[in-house]
């Protein structure tokens, strides 16, 4: 079964058992809204804290048609990212999945849902400013995007290994409600290159 089909059948379970990344730059981050994405299987395996000894596959979620080892096509909402700015989009009923760029110091906020379940989401980074994390969270709350926040205060630890956070949304087509999660991966350097360890998937 293609990776996209397995992902769509249970997005949270897929993210709990595979590492998924998203584009950090490029044309996809120029606009938000509904897009066609694919899952491309990457070389190399990772490990899992929750499943010691398991070999974890890694994927790149990227716009369809960009080549690579694509495993199916799906419709998603994309919330774009730009350095030192706030970028946003509205998620509604045209797709049941939302992705945004990787986070390693950014904040992500969700506004209150409308009657039809749609809501406004935003990805913010103020990395060139002092006290960036607190400023990001304050801007989201001041913009009425603080009903749900993924903050670096939640996912950044004090150890030396960098983190790789993929925030994603899942829409329940029956209740029309969106739920949001983040996948936390630790990145280290070993003798054979980058070492990826899946820490887990956390609801927000």
N, C-alpha and C. Protein backbone atom coordinates (compact mmCIF):
# COMPACT_ATOMS: atom_id res chain seq x y z
N UNK A 1 0.85 -1.19 0.00
CA UNK A 1 0.00 0.00 0.00
C UNK A 1 0.89 1.25 0.00
N UNK A 2 0.63 2.21 -0.89
CA UNK A 2 1.44 3.43 -0.92
C UNK A 2 1.43 4.15 0.43
N UNK A 3 2.51 4.86 0.71
CA UNK A 3 2.63 5.54 2.00
C UNK A 3 1.50 6.54 2.22
N UNK A 4 1.07 7.24 1.17
CA UNK A 4 -0.01 8.21 1.33
C UNK A 4 -1.29 7.53 1.81
N UNK A 5 -1.61 6.37 1.25
CA UNK A 5 -2.82 5.65 1.68
C UNK A 5 -2.71 5.23 3.14
N UNK A 6 -1.55 4.75 3.53
CA UNK A 6 -1.35 4.36 4.94
C UNK A 6 -1.44 5.57 5.85
N UNK A 7 -0.89 6.68 5.41
CA UNK A 7 -0.95 7.91 6.19
C UNK A 7 -2.39 8.37 6.35
N UNK A 8 -3.14 8.44 5.26
CA UNK A 8 -4.51 8.96 5.33
C UNK A 8 -5.45 8.06 6.13
N UNK A 9 -5.16 6.76 6.17
CA UNK A 9 -6.03 5.85 6.93
C UNK A 9 -5.93 6.11 8.43
N UNK A 10 -4.79 6.58 8.90
CA UNK A 10 -4.61 6.92 10.32
C UNK A 10 -3.38 7.81 10.46
N UNK A 11 -3.55 9.13 10.25
CA UNK A 11 -2.38 10.03 10.23
C UNK A 11 -1.56 10.00 11.52
N UNK A 12 -2.22 9.97 12.66
CA UNK A 12 -1.48 10.00 13.93
C UNK A 12 -0.66 8.73 14.11
N UNK A 13 -1.25 7.59 13.79
CA UNK A 13 -0.52 6.33 13.90
C UNK A 13 0.68 6.32 12.97
N UNK A 14 0.50 6.82 11.74
CA UNK A 14 1.62 6.86 10.79
C UNK A 14 2.75 7.72 11.34
N UNK A 15 2.40 8.87 11.90
CA UNK A 15 3.42 9.76 12.44
C UNK A 15 4.09 9.20 13.70
N UNK A 16 3.39 8.32 14.39
CA UNK A 16 3.97 7.67 15.57
C UNK A 16 4.96 6.57 15.20
N UNK A 17 4.91 6.13 13.95
CA UNK A 17 5.73 5.00 13.54
C UNK A 17 6.67 5.29 12.38
N UNK A 18 6.67 6.52 11.88
CA UNK A 18 7.54 6.96 10.80
C UNK A 18 7.94 8.40 11.05
N UNK A 19 9.14 8.77 10.64
CA UNK A 19 9.55 10.17 10.73
C UNK A 19 9.20 10.85 9.41
N UNK A 20 8.49 11.98 9.51
CA UNK A 20 8.09 12.73 8.33
C UNK A 20 8.66 14.14 8.43
N UNK A 21 9.26 14.61 7.36
CA UNK A 21 9.74 15.99 7.30
C UNK A 21 8.94 16.75 6.26
N UNK A 22 9.09 18.08 6.26
CA UNK A 22 8.41 18.95 5.30
C UNK A 22 9.41 19.99 4.79
N UNK A 23 9.10 20.67 3.69
CA UNK A 23 10.06 21.63 3.12
C UNK A 23 10.29 22.84 4.04
N UNK A 24 11.55 23.23 4.19
CA UNK A 24 11.88 24.41 4.98
C UNK A 24 11.86 25.68 4.16
N UNK A 25 12.03 25.57 2.85
CA UNK A 25 12.05 26.74 1.99
C UNK A 25 11.45 26.41 0.64
N UNK A 26 11.76 27.22 -0.36
CA UNK A 26 11.28 26.96 -1.70
C UNK A 26 9.94 27.61 -2.00
N UNK A 27 9.44 27.36 -3.21
CA UNK A 27 8.22 28.00 -3.69
C UNK A 27 7.00 27.68 -2.83
N UNK A 28 6.98 26.49 -2.22
CA UNK A 28 5.80 26.10 -1.45
C UNK A 28 5.55 27.06 -0.30
N UNK A 29 6.61 27.72 0.19
CA UNK A 29 6.46 28.63 1.32
C UNK A 29 6.10 30.06 0.91
N UNK A 30 5.83 30.25 -0.39
CA UNK A 30 5.40 31.57 -0.84
C UNK A 30 3.91 31.79 -0.64
N UNK A 31 3.14 30.72 -0.62
CA UNK A 31 1.69 30.83 -0.46
C UNK A 31 1.18 29.71 0.43
N UNK A 32 0.07 29.98 1.10
CA UNK A 32 -0.60 28.95 1.88
C UNK A 32 -1.83 28.44 1.15
N UNK A 33 -2.63 27.66 1.86
CA UNK A 33 -3.86 27.15 1.28
C UNK A 33 -3.76 25.70 0.88
N UNK A 34 -4.73 25.24 0.08
CA UNK A 34 -4.78 23.83 -0.31
C UNK A 34 -3.75 23.54 -1.39
N UNK A 35 -3.05 22.41 -1.22
CA UNK A 35 -2.04 21.98 -2.17
C UNK A 35 -2.08 20.47 -2.33
N UNK A 36 -1.47 19.98 -3.42
CA UNK A 36 -1.32 18.54 -3.62
C UNK A 36 0.09 18.14 -3.18
N UNK A 37 0.15 17.20 -2.25
CA UNK A 37 1.43 16.74 -1.69
C UNK A 37 1.59 15.24 -1.92
N UNK A 38 2.82 14.80 -1.83
CA UNK A 38 3.13 13.38 -1.85
C UNK A 38 4.03 13.04 -0.68
N UNK A 39 4.18 11.78 -0.39
CA UNK A 39 5.16 11.30 0.58
C UNK A 39 6.26 10.59 -0.18
N UNK A 40 7.47 11.04 -0.02
CA UNK A 40 8.63 10.47 -0.70
C UNK A 40 9.49 9.74 0.32
N UNK A 41 9.70 8.46 0.11
CA UNK A 41 10.53 7.69 1.06
C UNK A 41 11.99 8.07 0.88
N UNK A 42 12.65 8.32 2.01
CA UNK A 42 14.05 8.70 2.01
C UNK A 42 14.94 7.52 2.34
N UNK A 43 16.21 7.62 1.97
CA UNK A 43 17.17 6.58 2.33
C UNK A 43 17.49 6.65 3.81
N UNK A 44 17.83 5.52 4.37
CA UNK A 44 18.24 5.49 5.76
C UNK A 44 17.08 5.24 6.70
N UNK A 45 17.38 4.70 7.84
CA UNK A 45 16.39 4.41 8.87
C UNK A 45 16.74 5.16 10.14
N UNK A 46 15.78 5.27 11.02
CA UNK A 46 15.97 5.96 12.29
C UNK A 46 15.56 5.03 13.43
N UNK A 47 15.69 5.51 14.64
CA UNK A 47 15.29 4.73 15.82
C UNK A 47 14.13 5.42 16.52
N UNK A 48 13.55 4.71 17.49
CA UNK A 48 12.39 5.22 18.22
C UNK A 48 12.59 5.02 19.72
N UNK A 49 12.30 6.05 20.49
CA UNK A 49 12.36 5.92 21.94
C UNK A 49 11.28 4.97 22.44
N UNK A 50 10.09 5.03 21.86
CA UNK A 50 8.96 4.23 22.31
C UNK A 50 9.03 2.78 21.83
N UNK A 51 9.82 2.52 20.76
CA UNK A 51 9.94 1.17 20.21
C UNK A 51 11.41 0.81 20.07
N UNK A 52 12.07 0.50 21.17
CA UNK A 52 13.50 0.18 21.12
C UNK A 52 13.78 -0.98 20.16
N UNK A 53 14.77 -0.80 19.31
CA UNK A 53 15.14 -1.85 18.36
C UNK A 53 14.42 -1.77 17.04
N UNK A 54 13.33 -1.00 16.96
CA UNK A 54 12.57 -0.90 15.72
C UNK A 54 13.32 -0.03 14.72
N UNK A 55 13.18 -0.34 13.44
CA UNK A 55 13.75 0.46 12.38
C UNK A 55 12.66 1.38 11.83
N UNK A 56 12.86 2.67 11.99
CA UNK A 56 11.85 3.66 11.65
C UNK A 56 12.13 4.24 10.26
N UNK A 57 11.16 4.14 9.36
CA UNK A 57 11.31 4.71 8.02
C UNK A 57 11.17 6.23 8.07
N UNK A 58 11.82 6.90 7.13
CA UNK A 58 11.75 8.36 7.06
C UNK A 58 11.19 8.79 5.71
N UNK A 59 10.36 9.84 5.76
CA UNK A 59 9.69 10.33 4.56
C UNK A 59 9.81 11.85 4.48
N UNK A 60 9.69 12.35 3.26
CA UNK A 60 9.57 13.78 3.02
C UNK A 60 8.19 14.05 2.43
N UNK A 61 7.40 14.89 3.10
CA UNK A 61 6.13 15.35 2.54
C UNK A 61 6.43 16.59 1.73
N UNK A 62 6.16 16.55 0.44
CA UNK A 62 6.52 17.66 -0.44
C UNK A 62 5.47 17.81 -1.53
N UNK A 63 5.44 18.98 -2.20
CA UNK A 63 4.47 19.17 -3.28
C UNK A 63 4.60 18.09 -4.34
N UNK A 64 3.47 17.59 -4.81
CA UNK A 64 3.47 16.56 -5.84
C UNK A 64 4.05 17.13 -7.13
N UNK A 65 4.71 16.25 -7.90
CA UNK A 65 5.28 16.67 -9.16
C UNK A 65 6.71 17.14 -9.08
N UNK A 66 7.31 17.05 -7.87
CA UNK A 66 8.69 17.49 -7.71
C UNK A 66 9.69 16.36 -7.86
N UNK A 67 9.25 15.22 -8.40
CA UNK A 67 10.15 14.10 -8.63
C UNK A 67 10.36 13.28 -7.37
N UNK A 68 11.38 12.42 -7.41
CA UNK A 68 11.67 11.59 -6.24
C UNK A 68 10.85 10.32 -6.23
N UNK A 69 10.97 9.60 -5.14
CA UNK A 69 10.29 8.32 -4.97
C UNK A 69 8.91 8.54 -4.35
N UNK A 70 7.99 9.11 -5.13
CA UNK A 70 6.67 9.46 -4.63
C UNK A 70 5.85 8.21 -4.35
N UNK A 71 5.08 8.26 -3.27
CA UNK A 71 4.20 7.14 -2.90
C UNK A 71 2.77 7.65 -2.73
N UNK A 72 2.17 8.12 -3.83
CA UNK A 72 0.78 8.58 -3.79
C UNK A 72 0.67 10.09 -3.70
N UNK A 73 -0.55 10.59 -3.88
CA UNK A 73 -0.83 12.03 -3.84
C UNK A 73 -2.02 12.27 -2.91
N UNK A 74 -1.93 13.36 -2.14
CA UNK A 74 -3.02 13.72 -1.23
C UNK A 74 -3.22 15.23 -1.24
N UNK A 75 -4.43 15.66 -0.89
CA UNK A 75 -4.72 17.08 -0.74
C UNK A 75 -4.49 17.48 0.71
N UNK A 76 -3.80 18.59 0.91
CA UNK A 76 -3.54 19.08 2.25
C UNK A 76 -3.70 20.60 2.28
N UNK A 77 -3.78 21.14 3.50
CA UNK A 77 -3.59 22.58 3.68
C UNK A 77 -2.14 22.80 4.09
N UNK A 78 -1.55 23.87 3.56
CA UNK A 78 -0.17 24.21 3.87
C UNK A 78 -0.13 25.59 4.52
N UNK A 79 0.50 25.67 5.69
CA UNK A 79 0.74 26.96 6.34
C UNK A 79 2.19 27.33 6.05
N UNK A 80 2.45 28.41 5.31
CA UNK A 80 3.81 28.72 4.88
C UNK A 80 4.68 29.26 6.02
N UNK A 81 5.97 29.41 5.73
CA UNK A 81 6.95 29.89 6.70
C UNK A 81 7.91 30.86 6.02
N UNK A 82 8.23 31.94 6.72
CA UNK A 82 9.28 32.86 6.29
C UNK A 82 10.03 33.32 7.53
N UNK A 83 11.35 33.50 7.41
CA UNK A 83 12.14 33.99 8.54
C UNK A 83 11.62 35.33 9.03
N UNK A 84 11.62 35.49 10.36
CA UNK A 84 11.29 36.77 11.01
C UNK A 84 9.95 37.33 10.56
N UNK A 85 8.95 36.47 10.48
CA UNK A 85 7.62 36.95 10.10
C UNK A 85 6.57 35.98 10.60
N UNK A 86 5.31 36.39 10.47
CA UNK A 86 4.19 35.50 10.78
C UNK A 86 3.47 35.20 9.47
N UNK A 87 3.27 33.92 9.19
CA UNK A 87 2.60 33.46 7.98
C UNK A 87 1.38 32.64 8.39
N UNK A 88 0.30 32.74 7.63
CA UNK A 88 -0.94 32.11 8.07
C UNK A 88 -1.75 31.56 6.91
N UNK A 89 -2.74 30.76 7.26
CA UNK A 89 -3.71 30.27 6.29
C UNK A 89 -4.95 29.83 7.05
N UNK A 90 -6.03 29.58 6.34
CA UNK A 90 -7.26 29.06 6.95
C UNK A 90 -7.43 27.61 6.54
N UNK A 91 -7.67 26.75 7.53
CA UNK A 91 -7.97 25.35 7.24
C UNK A 91 -9.48 25.15 7.37
N UNK A 92 -10.05 24.47 6.39
CA UNK A 92 -11.50 24.32 6.36
C UNK A 92 -11.86 22.88 5.99
N UNK A 93 -12.78 22.71 5.03
CA UNK A 93 -13.28 21.37 4.70
C UNK A 93 -12.84 20.86 3.34
N UNK A 94 -11.87 21.54 2.70
CA UNK A 94 -11.42 21.09 1.37
C UNK A 94 -10.33 20.03 1.46
N UNK A 95 -9.79 19.80 2.64
CA UNK A 95 -8.80 18.75 2.88
C UNK A 95 -8.85 18.40 4.36
N UNK A 96 -8.35 17.23 4.70
CA UNK A 96 -8.42 16.76 6.08
C UNK A 96 -7.06 16.72 6.78
N UNK A 97 -6.02 17.27 6.11
CA UNK A 97 -4.67 17.26 6.67
C UNK A 97 -4.07 18.66 6.53
N UNK A 98 -3.29 19.07 7.51
CA UNK A 98 -2.53 20.31 7.42
C UNK A 98 -1.08 20.03 7.78
N UNK A 99 -0.16 20.63 7.04
CA UNK A 99 1.26 20.59 7.37
C UNK A 99 1.81 22.01 7.35
N UNK A 100 2.94 22.19 8.01
CA UNK A 100 3.71 23.42 7.92
C UNK A 100 5.19 23.07 7.91
N UNK A 101 6.04 24.07 7.74
CA UNK A 101 7.48 23.82 7.68
C UNK A 101 8.01 23.32 9.03
N UNK A 102 9.17 22.67 9.05
CA UNK A 102 9.75 22.19 10.31
C UNK A 102 9.96 23.34 11.30
N UNK A 103 9.87 23.01 12.57
CA UNK A 103 10.02 24.02 13.62
C UNK A 103 11.18 23.64 14.54
N UNK A 104 12.07 24.59 14.77
CA UNK A 104 13.15 24.39 15.74
C UNK A 104 13.46 25.70 16.46
N UNK A 105 12.40 26.33 16.93
CA UNK A 105 12.47 27.62 17.59
C UNK A 105 11.28 28.49 17.23
N UNK A 106 10.44 28.00 16.31
CA UNK A 106 9.23 28.71 15.89
C UNK A 106 8.08 28.41 16.84
N UNK A 107 7.02 29.20 16.67
CA UNK A 107 5.75 28.94 17.36
C UNK A 107 4.65 28.78 16.31
N UNK A 108 3.64 28.01 16.67
CA UNK A 108 2.50 27.76 15.78
C UNK A 108 1.24 28.00 16.58
N UNK A 109 0.31 28.77 16.03
CA UNK A 109 -0.91 29.09 16.75
C UNK A 109 -2.16 28.76 15.96
N UNK A 110 -3.23 28.47 16.69
CA UNK A 110 -4.53 28.13 16.10
C UNK A 110 -5.60 29.02 16.71
N UNK A 111 -6.42 29.61 15.86
CA UNK A 111 -7.53 30.43 16.34
C UNK A 111 -8.74 29.59 16.70
N UNK A 112 -9.73 30.24 17.27
CA UNK A 112 -10.96 29.55 17.65
C UNK A 112 -11.70 29.08 16.40
N UNK A 113 -12.27 27.86 16.45
CA UNK A 113 -12.97 27.35 15.26
C UNK A 113 -14.30 28.06 15.01
N UNK A 114 -14.63 28.20 13.72
CA UNK A 114 -15.93 28.73 13.34
C UNK A 114 -16.98 27.62 13.46
N UNK A 115 -18.24 27.96 13.16
CA UNK A 115 -19.31 26.98 13.28
C UNK A 115 -19.10 25.79 12.37
N UNK A 116 -18.47 26.01 11.20
CA UNK A 116 -18.24 24.90 10.27
C UNK A 116 -16.94 24.15 10.57
N UNK A 117 -16.25 24.51 11.64
CA UNK A 117 -15.02 23.83 12.03
C UNK A 117 -13.76 24.47 11.48
N UNK A 118 -13.88 25.39 10.52
CA UNK A 118 -12.70 26.01 9.94
C UNK A 118 -12.01 26.91 10.98
N UNK A 119 -10.71 27.07 10.83
CA UNK A 119 -9.97 27.92 11.77
C UNK A 119 -8.74 28.49 11.09
N UNK A 120 -8.25 29.55 11.68
CA UNK A 120 -7.08 30.28 11.20
C UNK A 120 -5.86 29.74 11.92
N UNK A 121 -4.78 29.45 11.18
CA UNK A 121 -3.55 28.94 11.79
C UNK A 121 -2.38 29.80 11.32
N UNK A 122 -1.32 29.86 12.14
CA UNK A 122 -0.18 30.70 11.80
C UNK A 122 1.12 30.10 12.30
N UNK A 123 2.19 30.32 11.55
CA UNK A 123 3.55 29.86 11.88
C UNK A 123 4.40 31.12 12.00
N UNK A 124 5.01 31.34 13.17
CA UNK A 124 5.75 32.57 13.42
C UNK A 124 7.16 32.27 13.91
N UNK A 125 8.11 33.10 13.44
CA UNK A 125 9.50 33.00 13.90
C UNK A 125 10.05 34.42 13.99
N UNK A 126 10.63 34.74 15.13
CA UNK A 126 11.23 36.07 15.34
C UNK A 126 12.68 35.90 15.78
N UNK A 127 13.41 35.02 15.09
CA UNK A 127 14.70 34.57 15.58
C UNK A 127 15.77 35.65 15.63
N UNK A 128 15.58 36.75 14.92
CA UNK A 128 16.59 37.81 14.95
C UNK A 128 16.40 38.75 16.14
N UNK A 129 15.33 38.55 16.91
CA UNK A 129 15.05 39.44 18.03
C UNK A 129 15.38 38.78 19.36
N UNK A 130 15.64 39.61 20.35
CA UNK A 130 15.85 39.11 21.70
C UNK A 130 14.53 38.60 22.26
N UNK A 131 14.65 37.60 23.13
CA UNK A 131 13.46 37.03 23.78
C UNK A 131 12.43 36.56 22.76
N UNK A 132 12.93 35.96 21.68
CA UNK A 132 12.07 35.61 20.54
C UNK A 132 10.92 34.70 20.92
N UNK A 133 11.19 33.67 21.71
CA UNK A 133 10.13 32.70 22.01
C UNK A 133 8.94 33.36 22.68
N UNK A 134 9.20 34.18 23.69
CA UNK A 134 8.10 34.84 24.40
C UNK A 134 7.38 35.83 23.48
N UNK A 135 8.12 36.53 22.62
CA UNK A 135 7.49 37.48 21.70
C UNK A 135 6.59 36.75 20.72
N UNK A 136 7.06 35.63 20.19
CA UNK A 136 6.24 34.85 19.24
C UNK A 136 4.92 34.44 19.88
N UNK A 137 5.00 33.88 21.07
CA UNK A 137 3.78 33.41 21.74
C UNK A 137 2.84 34.57 22.06
N UNK A 138 3.42 35.71 22.45
CA UNK A 138 2.60 36.87 22.77
C UNK A 138 1.90 37.42 21.53
N UNK A 139 2.60 37.44 20.39
CA UNK A 139 1.98 37.90 19.15
C UNK A 139 0.82 37.00 18.75
N UNK A 140 1.00 35.69 18.88
CA UNK A 140 -0.08 34.76 18.55
C UNK A 140 -1.30 34.99 19.44
N UNK A 141 -1.06 35.15 20.73
CA UNK A 141 -2.18 35.39 21.66
C UNK A 141 -2.86 36.72 21.36
N UNK A 142 -2.05 37.74 21.05
CA UNK A 142 -2.62 39.04 20.73
C UNK A 142 -3.38 39.06 19.42
N UNK A 143 -3.07 38.12 18.54
CA UNK A 143 -3.75 38.01 17.25
C UNK A 143 -4.91 37.03 17.30
N UNK A 144 -5.31 36.63 18.50
CA UNK A 144 -6.40 35.67 18.72
C UNK A 144 -6.09 34.31 18.07
N UNK A 145 -4.79 33.95 18.12
CA UNK A 145 -4.36 32.65 17.61
C UNK A 145 -3.77 31.83 18.74
N UNK A 146 -4.27 32.06 19.94
CA UNK A 146 -3.70 31.40 21.11
C UNK A 146 -4.57 30.33 21.72
N UNK A 147 -5.65 29.90 21.02
CA UNK A 147 -6.46 28.83 21.60
C UNK A 147 -5.68 27.53 21.64
N UNK A 148 -4.75 27.36 20.70
CA UNK A 148 -3.80 26.25 20.69
C UNK A 148 -2.46 26.81 20.23
N UNK A 149 -1.40 26.55 20.99
CA UNK A 149 -0.07 27.03 20.62
C UNK A 149 0.94 25.89 20.75
N UNK A 150 1.76 25.71 19.72
CA UNK A 150 2.95 24.87 19.80
C UNK A 150 4.13 25.82 19.99
N UNK A 151 4.67 25.86 21.18
CA UNK A 151 5.70 26.82 21.54
C UNK A 151 7.05 26.13 21.71
N UNK A 152 8.16 26.80 21.38
CA UNK A 152 9.47 26.20 21.66
C UNK A 152 9.69 25.93 23.14
N UNK A 153 8.93 26.61 23.99
CA UNK A 153 9.00 26.31 25.43
C UNK A 153 8.55 24.87 25.69
N UNK A 154 7.73 24.32 24.77
CA UNK A 154 7.21 22.96 24.93
C UNK A 154 8.18 21.92 24.40
N UNK A 155 8.84 22.22 23.29
CA UNK A 155 9.58 21.15 22.60
C UNK A 155 11.10 21.31 22.59
N UNK A 156 11.63 22.48 22.97
CA UNK A 156 13.08 22.66 22.98
C UNK A 156 13.64 22.27 24.34
N UNK A 157 14.59 21.35 24.35
CA UNK A 157 15.20 20.91 25.60
C UNK A 157 16.49 21.64 25.88
N UNK A 158 17.14 21.24 26.94
CA UNK A 158 18.39 21.87 27.34
C UNK A 158 19.61 21.10 26.86
N UNK A 159 19.39 19.93 26.22
CA UNK A 159 20.55 19.14 25.78
C UNK A 159 21.10 19.71 24.47
N UNK A 160 22.20 19.14 24.01
CA UNK A 160 22.91 19.70 22.87
C UNK A 160 22.37 19.23 21.52
N UNK A 161 21.66 18.12 21.49
CA UNK A 161 21.14 17.63 20.21
C UNK A 161 20.00 18.52 19.73
N UNK A 162 20.03 18.97 18.48
CA UNK A 162 18.93 19.79 17.97
C UNK A 162 17.66 18.96 17.79
N UNK A 163 16.52 19.63 17.80
CA UNK A 163 15.25 18.95 17.61
C UNK A 163 14.69 19.30 16.24
N UNK A 164 13.80 18.44 15.78
CA UNK A 164 13.13 18.59 14.49
C UNK A 164 11.66 18.35 14.77
N UNK A 165 10.85 19.40 14.66
CA UNK A 165 9.43 19.31 15.01
C UNK A 165 8.58 19.52 13.77
N UNK A 166 7.68 18.58 13.52
CA UNK A 166 6.72 18.70 12.42
C UNK A 166 5.33 18.83 13.05
N UNK A 167 4.73 20.00 12.88
CA UNK A 167 3.38 20.25 13.38
C UNK A 167 2.38 19.91 12.27
N UNK A 168 1.34 19.19 12.63
CA UNK A 168 0.35 18.81 11.61
C UNK A 168 -1.05 18.83 12.21
N UNK A 169 -2.03 18.97 11.33
CA UNK A 169 -3.43 18.99 11.74
C UNK A 169 -4.20 17.87 11.06
N UNK A 170 -5.21 17.37 11.75
CA UNK A 170 -6.06 16.31 11.22
C UNK A 170 -7.52 16.72 11.43
N UNK A 171 -8.29 16.71 10.36
CA UNK A 171 -9.71 17.06 10.43
C UNK A 171 -10.55 15.79 10.51
N UNK A 172 -11.47 15.77 11.47
CA UNK A 172 -12.45 14.69 11.58
C UNK A 172 -13.62 15.04 10.67
N UNK A 173 -13.78 14.30 9.57
CA UNK A 173 -14.80 14.64 8.58
C UNK A 173 -16.22 14.50 9.13
N UNK A 174 -16.40 13.72 10.20
CA UNK A 174 -17.74 13.55 10.78
C UNK A 174 -18.10 14.71 11.69
N UNK A 175 -17.18 15.10 12.58
CA UNK A 175 -17.45 16.20 13.50
C UNK A 175 -17.06 17.55 12.93
N UNK A 176 -16.27 17.55 11.84
CA UNK A 176 -15.76 18.75 11.17
C UNK A 176 -14.76 19.52 12.02
N UNK A 177 -14.23 18.89 13.05
CA UNK A 177 -13.30 19.55 13.94
C UNK A 177 -11.85 19.21 13.59
N UNK A 178 -10.97 20.19 13.72
CA UNK A 178 -9.54 20.01 13.52
C UNK A 178 -8.85 19.74 14.85
N UNK A 179 -7.91 18.79 14.84
CA UNK A 179 -7.04 18.54 15.98
C UNK A 179 -5.60 18.71 15.52
N UNK A 180 -4.74 19.16 16.41
CA UNK A 180 -3.36 19.47 16.03
C UNK A 180 -2.38 18.71 16.91
N UNK A 181 -1.25 18.35 16.30
CA UNK A 181 -0.24 17.53 16.95
C UNK A 181 1.14 17.99 16.49
N UNK A 182 2.17 17.57 17.24
CA UNK A 182 3.52 17.76 16.72
C UNK A 182 4.34 16.49 16.93
N UNK A 183 5.15 16.19 15.92
CA UNK A 183 6.06 15.05 15.97
C UNK A 183 7.44 15.58 16.35
N UNK A 184 8.01 15.02 17.42
CA UNK A 184 9.30 15.47 17.93
C UNK A 184 10.38 14.44 17.61
N UNK A 185 11.41 14.88 16.91
CA UNK A 185 12.55 14.04 16.56
C UNK A 185 13.84 14.72 17.04
N UNK A 186 14.73 13.95 17.66
CA UNK A 186 16.05 14.46 18.02
C UNK A 186 17.02 14.15 16.90
N UNK A 187 17.89 15.09 16.62
CA UNK A 187 18.89 14.94 15.57
C UNK A 187 20.28 14.96 16.19
N UNK A 188 21.07 13.94 15.92
CA UNK A 188 22.44 13.87 16.41
C UNK A 188 23.40 13.52 15.29
N UNK A 189 24.66 13.61 15.58
CA UNK A 189 25.69 13.29 14.58
C UNK A 189 26.46 12.06 15.05
N UNK A 190 26.53 11.04 14.18
CA UNK A 190 27.27 9.82 14.48
C UNK A 190 28.36 9.59 13.46
N UNK A 191 29.01 8.43 13.58
CA UNK A 191 30.12 8.10 12.69
C UNK A 191 29.68 8.02 11.24
N UNK A 192 28.42 7.64 11.00
CA UNK A 192 27.93 7.47 9.63
C UNK A 192 27.01 8.60 9.17
N UNK A 193 27.02 9.73 9.89
CA UNK A 193 26.19 10.85 9.49
C UNK A 193 25.15 11.21 10.54
N UNK A 194 24.04 11.78 10.08
CA UNK A 194 22.98 12.24 10.96
C UNK A 194 22.24 11.06 11.58
N UNK A 195 22.01 11.13 12.87
CA UNK A 195 21.25 10.12 13.60
C UNK A 195 19.90 10.73 13.99
N UNK A 196 18.82 10.10 13.56
CA UNK A 196 17.49 10.58 13.88
C UNK A 196 16.82 9.64 14.88
N UNK A 197 16.26 10.23 15.93
CA UNK A 197 15.54 9.44 16.94
C UNK A 197 14.14 10.01 17.13
N UNK A 198 13.13 9.21 16.84
CA UNK A 198 11.74 9.64 17.00
C UNK A 198 11.38 9.60 18.48
N UNK A 199 11.08 10.77 19.04
CA UNK A 199 10.69 10.85 20.45
C UNK A 199 9.21 10.53 20.63
N UNK A 200 8.37 11.03 19.73
CA UNK A 200 6.95 10.74 19.82
C UNK A 200 6.10 11.79 19.15
N UNK A 201 4.79 11.59 19.22
CA UNK A 201 3.79 12.51 18.69
C UNK A 201 2.94 13.00 19.83
N UNK A 202 2.74 14.31 19.92
CA UNK A 202 2.08 14.91 21.08
C UNK A 202 0.91 15.78 20.63
N UNK A 203 -0.26 15.62 21.25
CA UNK A 203 -1.40 16.48 20.93
C UNK A 203 -1.23 17.86 21.55
N UNK A 204 -1.82 18.85 20.94
CA UNK A 204 -1.77 20.23 21.48
C UNK A 204 -3.17 20.82 21.53
